[in-house]
Protein backbone atom coordinates (compact mmCIF):
# COMPACT_ATOMS: atom_id res chain seq x y z
CA MET A 1 147.21 53.36 73.98
CA TRP A 2 146.07 55.24 76.90
CA HIS A 3 147.56 56.45 80.20
CA GLU A 4 144.48 56.88 82.62
CA TYR A 5 141.28 54.79 82.33
CA ILE A 6 138.78 55.79 84.92
CA THR A 7 135.73 53.64 85.42
CA ALA A 8 132.82 56.19 86.87
CA THR A 9 129.84 55.52 88.76
CA THR A 10 127.77 58.52 88.29
CA THR A 11 127.23 61.32 85.14
CA ASP A 12 128.18 63.66 87.52
CA GLU A 13 131.46 62.79 87.80
CA VAL A 14 131.99 62.01 84.02
CA VAL A 15 131.15 65.51 83.33
CA ASN A 16 133.24 66.94 85.70
CA LEU A 17 136.20 64.72 84.58
CA LEU A 18 135.81 65.82 80.73
CA ALA A 19 135.60 69.65 82.11
CA GLU A 20 139.09 69.09 83.76
CA LYS A 21 140.42 66.69 81.06
CA GLY A 22 139.02 68.32 78.02
CA GLU A 23 140.42 67.12 74.75
CA ARG A 24 142.45 64.73 75.96
CA ALA A 25 139.69 62.60 77.61
CA ARG A 26 137.14 60.16 75.72
CA ILE A 27 134.13 58.13 76.95
CA VAL A 28 134.07 54.37 76.72
CA ALA A 29 130.75 53.03 76.10
CA GLY A 30 130.98 50.19 73.40
CA ALA A 31 134.53 51.38 72.11
CA THR A 32 134.18 49.08 69.30
CA ASP A 33 135.12 52.28 67.09
CA LEU A 34 137.15 54.13 69.69
CA ILE A 35 139.60 51.31 70.47
CA LEU A 36 140.58 50.89 66.74
CA GLU A 37 141.15 54.67 66.36
CA LEU A 38 143.19 54.61 69.46
CA GLU A 39 145.04 51.70 67.77
CA ARG A 40 145.67 53.39 64.76
CA GLY A 41 146.59 56.63 65.78
CA ALA A 42 143.43 58.58 64.66
CA ARG A 43 142.70 59.81 68.17
CA LYS A 44 146.14 61.80 68.67
CA GLY A 45 146.09 63.56 72.23
CA VAL A 46 143.85 61.23 74.24
CA ASP A 47 145.60 59.96 77.17
CA THR A 48 142.50 59.06 79.37
CA LEU A 49 139.50 57.20 79.01
CA ILE A 50 136.27 57.57 81.14
CA ASP A 51 134.39 54.43 81.05
CA VAL A 52 130.68 54.69 81.63
CA THR A 53 129.44 51.08 81.45
CA ARG A 54 129.21 50.62 85.10
CA ILE A 55 126.77 53.71 85.74
CA PRO A 56 123.27 51.91 86.39
CA ALA A 57 120.24 52.94 84.27
CA LEU A 58 121.93 54.11 81.35
CA ASP A 59 121.02 51.25 79.55
CA LEU A 60 117.19 51.86 79.70
CA ILE A 61 114.51 52.01 76.79
CA THR A 62 111.59 53.59 78.23
CA LEU A 63 108.10 55.43 77.02
CA ASP A 64 107.06 58.49 78.82
CA GLU A 65 103.58 59.90 79.34
CA ASP A 66 103.69 61.82 76.05
CA ASP A 67 104.54 58.89 73.96
CA ILE A 68 107.98 59.85 73.68
CA ILE A 69 110.70 56.67 73.58
CA HIS A 70 113.90 57.40 75.24
CA LEU A 71 117.34 55.69 74.85
CA GLY A 72 119.97 55.74 77.45
CA PRO A 73 123.47 56.21 76.61
CA MET A 74 124.38 52.59 77.17
CA VAL A 75 121.40 51.23 75.16
CA THR A 76 123.25 48.59 72.52
CA HIS A 77 122.18 47.54 69.49
CA ASN A 78 121.06 44.14 70.63
CA HIS A 79 119.00 45.69 73.41
CA CYS A 80 116.73 47.34 70.74
CA VAL A 81 116.53 44.06 68.57
CA ALA A 82 115.50 42.46 72.07
CA SER A 83 112.82 45.47 72.84
CA LYS A 84 109.25 44.56 72.40
CA LEU A 85 108.83 48.41 72.33
CA ILE A 86 111.40 49.35 69.83
CA ARG A 87 110.18 46.56 67.29
CA GLU A 88 106.33 47.62 67.76
CA ARG A 89 106.82 51.31 68.01
CA ALA A 90 110.18 52.12 65.92
CA PHE A 91 110.71 49.43 63.88
CA PRO A 92 113.14 50.84 61.38
CA LEU A 93 115.35 51.19 64.37
CA MET A 94 115.05 48.10 65.28
CA ARG A 95 115.79 46.43 61.69
CA ALA A 96 118.90 48.66 61.47
CA CYS A 97 120.49 47.80 64.76
CA TRP A 98 119.89 44.14 63.51
CA GLU A 99 121.93 45.12 60.49
CA VAL A 100 124.56 46.18 62.42
CA GLY A 101 127.80 43.98 62.58
CA ALA A 102 127.51 40.60 64.48
CA PRO A 103 126.11 39.65 67.74
CA GLN A 104 129.32 40.34 69.65
CA ILE A 105 129.74 43.67 68.43
CA ARG A 106 125.91 44.57 68.86
CA ASN A 107 126.34 43.35 72.13
CA ARG A 108 129.06 46.14 73.09
CA GLY A 109 128.31 48.88 70.34
CA THR A 110 125.79 51.34 71.45
CA VAL A 111 123.32 53.56 69.62
CA ALA A 112 124.83 56.85 70.98
CA GLY A 113 128.06 55.72 70.10
CA ASN A 114 127.02 55.17 66.56
CA LEU A 115 125.34 58.24 66.47
CA ILE A 116 128.48 60.15 67.76
CA THR A 117 130.85 58.49 65.35
CA ALA A 118 129.37 60.72 62.58
CA SER A 119 129.85 58.23 59.78
CA PRO A 120 127.25 59.00 56.83
CA ALA A 121 127.25 55.03 56.60
CA ASN A 122 126.42 54.25 59.97
CA ASP A 123 123.12 52.64 59.86
CA THR A 124 121.23 53.63 62.95
CA ILE A 125 121.61 57.62 62.22
CA SER A 126 119.03 57.25 59.13
CA PRO A 127 116.20 55.48 60.90
CA LEU A 128 116.55 57.88 63.90
CA MET A 129 116.51 60.92 61.86
CA ALA A 130 113.45 59.61 59.72
CA LEU A 131 111.79 58.94 63.30
CA GLY A 132 112.63 62.72 64.28
CA ALA A 133 115.09 62.00 67.00
CA SER A 134 116.47 64.38 69.27
CA VAL A 135 119.68 64.24 71.38
CA THR A 136 120.38 65.64 74.62
CA LEU A 137 124.08 66.78 75.49
CA LEU A 138 125.03 67.33 79.34
CA SER A 139 128.29 69.16 80.68
CA ALA A 140 129.14 70.70 83.89
CA ARG A 141 127.92 74.17 82.29
CA GLY A 142 124.34 72.53 81.88
CA GLU A 143 122.03 70.60 79.57
CA ARG A 144 121.09 70.88 75.76
CA THR A 145 118.67 69.19 73.52
CA LEU A 146 118.93 69.93 69.66
CA PRO A 147 117.31 67.58 66.35
CA LEU A 148 119.39 64.77 65.58
CA GLN A 149 119.70 66.63 61.87
CA ASN A 150 121.56 69.39 63.60
CA PHE A 151 123.89 67.43 65.24
CA TYR A 152 125.98 67.01 62.22
CA THR A 153 128.48 69.15 60.55
CA GLY A 154 130.34 66.78 57.91
CA VAL A 155 131.85 63.32 57.52
CA ARG A 156 132.60 62.18 61.46
CA ARG A 157 132.05 65.62 62.56
CA ASN A 158 129.31 66.71 64.98
CA VAL A 159 128.41 69.63 67.42
CA MET A 160 129.48 68.11 70.70
CA GLN A 161 132.08 69.82 72.89
CA PRO A 162 134.97 68.14 74.50
CA ASP A 163 133.01 68.41 78.03
CA GLU A 164 129.98 66.98 76.73
CA MET A 165 128.65 63.62 77.14
CA LEU A 166 125.48 62.36 75.15
CA VAL A 167 123.15 61.23 77.95
CA ASP A 168 119.57 60.70 75.97
CA ILE A 169 118.31 60.23 72.40
CA SER A 170 114.59 60.81 72.36
CA PHE A 171 111.82 60.52 69.26
CA PRO A 172 108.00 59.97 69.20
CA ALA A 173 106.76 56.41 69.15
CA LEU A 174 105.32 55.28 66.03
CA GLN A 175 101.21 55.55 65.82
CA THR A 176 99.02 53.26 64.13
CA SER A 177 98.92 54.99 60.84
CA LEU A 178 102.65 55.44 60.66
CA HIS A 179 104.73 52.56 58.90
CA GLY A 180 108.47 52.49 59.00
CA THR A 181 111.05 50.12 57.46
CA PHE A 182 114.88 50.52 56.53
CA ILE A 183 116.80 49.01 53.88
CA LYS A 184 120.65 48.14 53.79
CA LEU A 185 122.67 47.54 50.68
CA ALA A 186 125.86 46.20 51.47
CA LEU A 187 128.71 43.99 50.10
CA ARG A 188 127.81 40.86 52.26
CA ARG A 189 124.94 39.70 54.58
CA ALA A 190 126.78 40.52 57.57
CA GLN A 191 129.77 42.64 59.44
CA ALA A 192 129.93 44.85 56.47
CA ILE A 193 129.35 48.70 56.21
CA SER A 194 126.61 50.43 54.09
CA VAL A 195 127.01 50.91 50.38
CA VAL A 196 123.42 52.61 50.77
CA ASN A 197 120.95 52.76 53.13
CA VAL A 198 117.49 54.11 53.25
CA ALA A 199 114.80 54.60 56.15
CA LEU A 200 111.34 55.45 55.81
CA VAL A 201 108.56 56.20 57.49
CA VAL A 202 105.03 56.93 55.74
CA ASP A 203 101.68 58.18 57.79
CA LEU A 204 98.93 56.32 55.89
CA GLU A 205 95.35 57.47 56.18
CA ALA A 206 92.65 55.75 54.39
CA GLY A 207 95.08 54.50 51.44
CA SER A 208 96.45 58.06 51.13
CA VAL A 209 99.78 59.22 52.20
CA LYS A 210 99.73 61.95 54.90
CA SER A 211 103.35 62.44 55.25
CA ALA A 212 106.51 60.48 54.57
CA SER A 213 109.93 60.68 56.03
CA ILE A 214 112.77 59.06 53.56
CA THR A 215 116.68 59.51 54.80
CA LEU A 216 119.49 58.51 52.93
CA GLY A 217 122.91 57.17 54.30
CA ALA A 218 126.15 56.70 52.87
CA VAL A 219 125.16 58.99 49.91
CA ALA A 220 126.30 62.35 51.26
CA PRO A 221 128.57 63.83 53.83
CA THR A 222 125.93 63.37 56.26
CA ILE A 223 122.60 61.51 56.46
CA ILE A 224 120.18 63.64 54.39
CA HIS A 225 116.22 63.62 53.78
CA ALA A 226 115.04 62.78 50.34
CA GLN A 227 112.98 66.04 50.24
CA ASN A 228 111.58 65.86 46.93
CA ALA A 229 110.53 62.48 47.05
CA GLU A 230 109.21 63.14 50.46
CA ALA A 231 107.01 66.03 49.07
CA TYR A 232 105.70 64.21 46.19
CA LEU A 233 104.30 61.37 48.23
CA VAL A 234 102.19 63.69 50.17
CA GLY A 235 98.20 63.02 49.09
CA LYS A 236 99.31 60.48 46.90
CA THR A 237 98.16 56.52 46.88
CA LEU A 238 101.00 54.01 47.49
CA ASP A 239 100.36 52.18 43.66
CA GLU A 240 103.24 51.16 41.82
CA THR A 241 103.58 54.38 39.72
CA VAL A 242 103.73 56.79 42.53
CA MET A 243 106.46 54.59 44.12
CA ALA A 244 108.22 54.26 41.05
CA GLU A 245 108.31 57.96 40.97
CA ALA A 246 109.28 58.61 44.49
CA ALA A 247 111.74 56.39 44.22
CA ARG A 248 113.38 58.06 41.25
CA LEU A 249 112.95 61.53 42.77
CA ALA A 250 114.93 59.78 46.00
CA MET A 251 117.73 58.98 43.56
CA GLN A 252 117.95 62.61 42.23
CA ASP A 253 117.99 63.93 45.83
CA SER A 254 121.12 61.77 46.61
CA ARG A 255 124.94 63.08 46.59
CA PRO A 256 126.94 60.25 46.45
CA ILE A 257 130.58 59.93 45.56
CA ASP A 258 132.86 57.08 44.06
CA ASP A 259 134.78 54.70 46.61
CA LEU A 260 136.08 51.35 46.99
CA ARG A 261 132.64 49.92 48.07
CA GLY A 262 130.68 51.46 45.06
CA SER A 263 130.73 54.20 42.07
CA ALA A 264 128.61 57.19 42.69
CA ASN A 265 126.41 55.96 39.66
CA TYR A 266 125.85 52.42 41.45
CA ARG A 267 124.71 54.15 44.59
CA ARG A 268 122.36 56.76 43.03
CA GLU A 269 120.82 53.76 41.23
CA MET A 270 120.71 51.68 44.55
CA VAL A 271 118.93 54.64 46.30
CA ARG A 272 116.21 53.95 43.80
CA VAL A 273 116.15 50.29 44.16
CA CYS A 274 116.15 50.55 47.83
CA THR A 275 113.64 53.27 48.05
CA LEU A 276 111.25 51.37 46.03
CA ARG A 277 111.87 48.21 48.15
CA GLY A 278 110.77 49.97 51.11
CA LEU A 279 107.70 51.50 49.51
CA ARG A 280 106.64 48.39 48.61
CA GLN A 281 107.17 46.89 51.82
CA ILE A 282 104.99 49.48 53.34
CA SER A 283 102.61 49.51 50.76
CA LYS A 284 101.74 45.52 51.25
CA GLY A 285 102.28 45.63 55.15
CA GLN A 286 105.50 43.37 54.78
CA GLU A 287 107.98 46.07 56.82
CA GLN A 288 109.19 43.09 58.92
CA ALA A 289 109.72 40.47 56.22
CA GLY A 290 113.02 38.77 56.93
CA VAL A 291 113.61 39.68 60.34
CA PRO A 292 113.67 36.75 62.55
CA ASN A 293 110.96 36.77 65.39
CA LYS A 294 113.19 36.07 67.81
CA PRO A 295 116.62 37.30 66.58
CA ILE A 296 119.75 35.41 68.39
CA LEU A 297 121.75 37.68 70.64
CA LEU A 298 124.62 35.66 72.18
CA TRP A 299 123.29 36.46 75.63
CA GLY A 300 122.47 33.00 77.14
CA ARG A 301 120.32 33.17 80.39
CA ASP A 302 120.34 36.82 81.36
CA ASP A 303 121.23 39.80 79.65
CA GLY A 304 124.31 40.54 81.67
CA GLN A 305 123.32 43.47 83.97
CA VAL A 306 126.35 44.78 85.99
CA SER A 307 126.51 46.36 89.37
CA PRO A 308 128.30 49.85 89.78
CA VAL A 309 132.14 49.35 90.30
CA ALA A 310 134.81 52.10 90.57
CA HIS A 311 138.10 51.37 89.52
CA LYS A 312 141.06 53.74 88.41
CA SER A 313 144.11 52.76 86.80
CA PRO A 314 147.06 51.50 88.11
CA ASP A 315 145.00 49.97 90.80
CA PRO A 316 144.90 46.00 90.26
CA ILE A 317 142.32 44.70 87.62
CA VAL A 318 140.80 42.12 89.92
CA THR A 319 138.28 39.84 87.72
CA THR A 320 136.56 36.43 87.79
CA VAL A 321 137.88 34.52 84.97
CA ASN A 322 136.78 30.81 84.53
CA GLY A 323 135.10 31.19 87.98
CA ARG A 324 138.50 31.86 89.42
CA GLN A 325 139.65 35.21 90.86
CA MET A 326 142.55 36.71 89.10
CA SER A 327 144.38 39.83 89.67
CA PHE A 328 146.43 42.00 87.47
CA ALA A 329 148.83 44.76 88.38
CA SER A 330 149.91 45.45 84.88
CA GLY A 331 148.10 45.56 81.44
CA HIS A 332 145.54 48.75 81.98
CA ASP A 333 146.87 50.09 78.65
CA LYS A 334 145.84 46.78 76.50
CA THR A 335 142.59 45.47 75.21
CA LEU A 336 141.21 42.67 77.25
CA LEU A 337 142.42 40.11 74.34
CA ARG A 338 145.94 41.07 74.88
CA LEU A 339 145.52 41.00 78.97
CA LEU A 340 144.26 37.51 79.07
CA ARG A 341 146.73 36.33 76.53
CA GLU A 342 149.79 38.04 77.93
CA GLU A 343 148.89 38.56 81.45
CA GLY A 344 146.46 36.03 82.32
CA LEU A 345 148.44 33.41 79.82
CA LEU A 346 145.05 32.17 78.71
CA ILE A 347 146.30 31.77 74.75
CA GLY A 348 142.84 29.66 73.91
CA THR A 349 141.68 33.17 72.80
CA LYS A 350 142.99 33.94 69.58
CA GLU A 351 144.33 37.17 67.66
CA GLY A 352 143.19 36.97 64.12
CA CYS A 353 142.04 40.36 62.68
CA ALA A 354 142.26 42.51 66.00
CA GLU A 355 139.23 44.42 64.36
CA GLY A 356 136.17 43.06 65.65
CA GLU A 357 135.96 41.22 62.08
CA CYS A 358 137.01 37.57 62.41
CA GLY A 359 135.71 36.62 66.00
CA ALA A 360 138.57 34.23 66.95
CA CYS A 361 138.97 36.54 70.32
CA THR A 362 135.49 35.63 71.21
CA VAL A 363 134.61 35.64 75.22
CA PHE A 364 132.06 36.13 77.32
CA LEU A 365 131.82 39.37 79.38
CA ASP A 366 129.09 39.28 82.18
CA GLY A 367 126.96 36.59 80.44
CA LYS A 368 127.35 37.99 76.96
CA ALA A 369 129.77 37.49 74.07
CA VAL A 370 131.93 39.98 72.96
CA MET A 371 135.10 40.24 70.89
CA ALA A 372 137.85 40.81 73.13
CA CYS A 373 140.24 42.63 70.72
CA LEU A 374 137.53 45.65 71.12
CA VAL A 375 137.28 45.41 75.11
CA PRO A 376 139.54 47.70 77.04
CA ALA A 377 141.46 45.96 79.74
CA PRO A 378 140.20 47.88 83.13
CA ARG A 379 136.66 46.87 82.02
CA ALA A 380 137.47 43.35 83.48
CA HIS A 381 137.42 44.67 86.93
CA GLY A 382 134.64 43.49 88.54
CA ALA A 383 133.51 41.36 85.90
CA ALA A 384 132.82 37.57 85.12
CA ILE A 385 134.78 36.46 82.25
CA VAL A 386 134.66 32.96 80.64
CA THR A 387 137.13 32.06 77.99
CA VAL A 388 137.37 28.68 75.52
CA GLU A 389 139.33 27.48 78.58
CA GLY A 390 136.46 27.81 80.74
CA LEU A 391 133.95 25.93 78.58
CA ALA A 392 134.63 22.32 79.88
CA ASP A 393 133.76 20.98 83.34
CA GLY A 394 136.70 19.44 84.55
CA ASP A 395 137.69 16.54 82.16
CA LYS A 396 134.32 16.63 81.00
CA LEU A 397 134.05 18.38 77.37
CA HIS A 398 131.42 20.77 76.78
CA PRO A 399 128.84 19.10 74.23
CA ILE A 400 130.15 21.64 71.81
CA GLN A 401 133.63 20.54 72.15
CA GLU A 402 132.55 16.96 72.07
CA ALA A 403 130.62 17.56 68.71
CA PHE A 404 133.50 19.54 67.07
CA ILE A 405 135.53 16.13 67.59
CA GLN A 406 133.24 13.98 66.62
CA ASP A 407 132.34 15.99 63.31
CA ASN A 408 135.95 16.85 62.39
CA ALA A 409 134.64 20.59 62.72
CA VAL A 410 138.46 21.56 63.29
CA GLN A 411 140.34 22.45 60.00
CA CYS A 412 143.83 24.57 61.22
CA GLY A 413 142.28 25.16 64.67
CA TYR A 414 142.64 28.89 64.58
CA CYS A 415 139.00 29.98 64.48
CA THR A 416 137.92 27.05 66.50
CA PRO A 417 137.89 28.85 69.81
CA GLY A 418 135.64 31.71 68.74
CA PHE A 419 133.22 29.22 67.09
CA LEU A 420 133.27 27.20 70.16
CA MET A 421 132.27 30.21 72.28
CA SER A 422 129.60 31.39 70.02
CA GLY A 423 128.34 28.09 69.77
CA ALA A 424 128.09 27.60 73.41
CA LYS A 425 126.42 30.78 74.35
CA LEU A 426 123.95 30.11 71.14
CA LEU A 427 123.01 26.47 73.09
CA GLU A 428 122.50 28.60 76.33
CA GLU A 429 120.19 30.83 74.77
CA ASN A 430 118.49 28.38 72.46
CA PRO A 431 119.07 24.60 73.04
CA HIS A 432 117.71 23.75 70.04
CA PRO A 433 118.18 26.22 67.55
CA GLN A 434 117.21 25.88 63.97
CA ARG A 435 119.80 26.25 61.18
CA ASN A 436 119.22 29.93 60.13
CA GLU A 437 119.85 30.58 63.82
CA ILE A 438 122.95 28.88 63.84
CA GLU A 439 123.88 30.98 61.01
CA GLN A 440 123.05 34.15 62.72
CA ALA A 441 125.14 33.23 65.56
CA PHE A 442 128.23 32.62 63.50
CA THR A 443 127.80 36.20 61.57
CA GLY A 444 130.68 37.19 63.69
CA ASN A 445 133.09 34.24 63.28
CA LEU A 446 135.16 33.53 60.04
CA CYS A 447 136.67 30.36 59.10
CA ARG A 448 139.35 30.65 55.75
CA CYS A 449 139.54 26.50 55.85
CA THR A 450 135.97 25.44 55.08
CA GLY A 451 132.42 26.02 54.04
CA TYR A 452 131.19 25.90 57.50
CA TYR A 453 129.01 22.63 57.03
CA LYS A 454 131.04 20.69 59.49
CA ILE A 455 131.02 23.34 62.18
CA VAL A 456 127.00 24.07 61.65
CA GLN A 457 126.54 20.52 61.83
CA ALA A 458 128.70 20.24 65.05
CA VAL A 459 126.11 22.85 66.61
CA GLU A 460 123.18 20.81 65.31
CA ASP A 461 124.80 17.64 67.08
CA ALA A 462 125.51 19.14 70.17
CA SER A 463 122.11 20.32 70.66
CA ARG A 464 121.25 16.60 70.62
CA ILE A 465 123.85 15.64 73.34
CA ARG A 466 122.54 18.27 75.44
CA SER A 467 119.03 16.58 75.35
């Protein structure tokens, strides 16, 4: 899929490489979109990948002295989900990140990557635009900062030049009078693209709306503001009549098309419904309803911090797999899934969809559960990896393996390795999960044989075995 893979250790190194390689190079952060695009031939002419995941301090979420929140380019969706600062001062973004994919995807996918991909259905663009975000782009020529609303030129198109790297996302933290939320409508509860999404930020003073920001996703070529609805709300009280009219105006502001996920008429009506739902939540102070107080991350005991490690293909990929050091002289142009199976002969990790949908390839990478089919193989260099073969302690099975056998939770068995890995990481993160937390942990794992009842029961029983 690529000819050259370079793991950088500084942003200067990255921008110099981009200046040298031009259109032939792409940056690898989460790679959850990029890997699929390369495999499908959608990124023709790209032969060099520049991995930025080992550069220190790019995954920080900070608040500066001017009350501006900054997200580094390696901040993942789960970093935002776990952040107390984002939950308290930028809740629409936290909720949007929680709605993205599944834990394994959120552990790799970055907010910066979501912005750069530029799909109008991407979840984090709407809340960041509603929050008034800006992005900073760095190249060997210098640095420039522009409002997020000026970043996009069309569907999957933005103003970035081939030699630029997105190095910062910034936006004002919400003050006490500002209230916001994010509403997503999709065809299923997890692992789904938005049919419609709406982000709302409303400034309420003494019960009256001082200002409003309403942004709409998946209903135009880019994320758009519902400008008529925003203007209408100013000076109004959020009673049922006002909210209903604002929702109607937001519907009129949308410009959807018909596609496989919904007709234009359906999307228009759902803009109205989602806007009204969001305004009602804000009016009642219930913006955070439905979001767990402690969301499941599949991080385990730590957050998977890594050290800078320089690497360049075709140097051997030296990694630790299931506690044993392994060195691979080939496989640099593969995914981690295929490296493990074909070079490592660790065939317990399965390839189901190869698109990050089924979870059969779930492994632990530096302490976090990820989809191995969406990780470039060279990312394994200097990393610690655990596969399903590494769950047992010698001849002693992991409690979740014991419980799967005891409860007859194995059907055809193809999805089982992924469920075991997600379940084991869940029990490491939370030794006594509630049923809804088990369901959260398994949103990225599909089983086509059963209704999941025995699988969930096995996790509940495994938690008792560990006690």
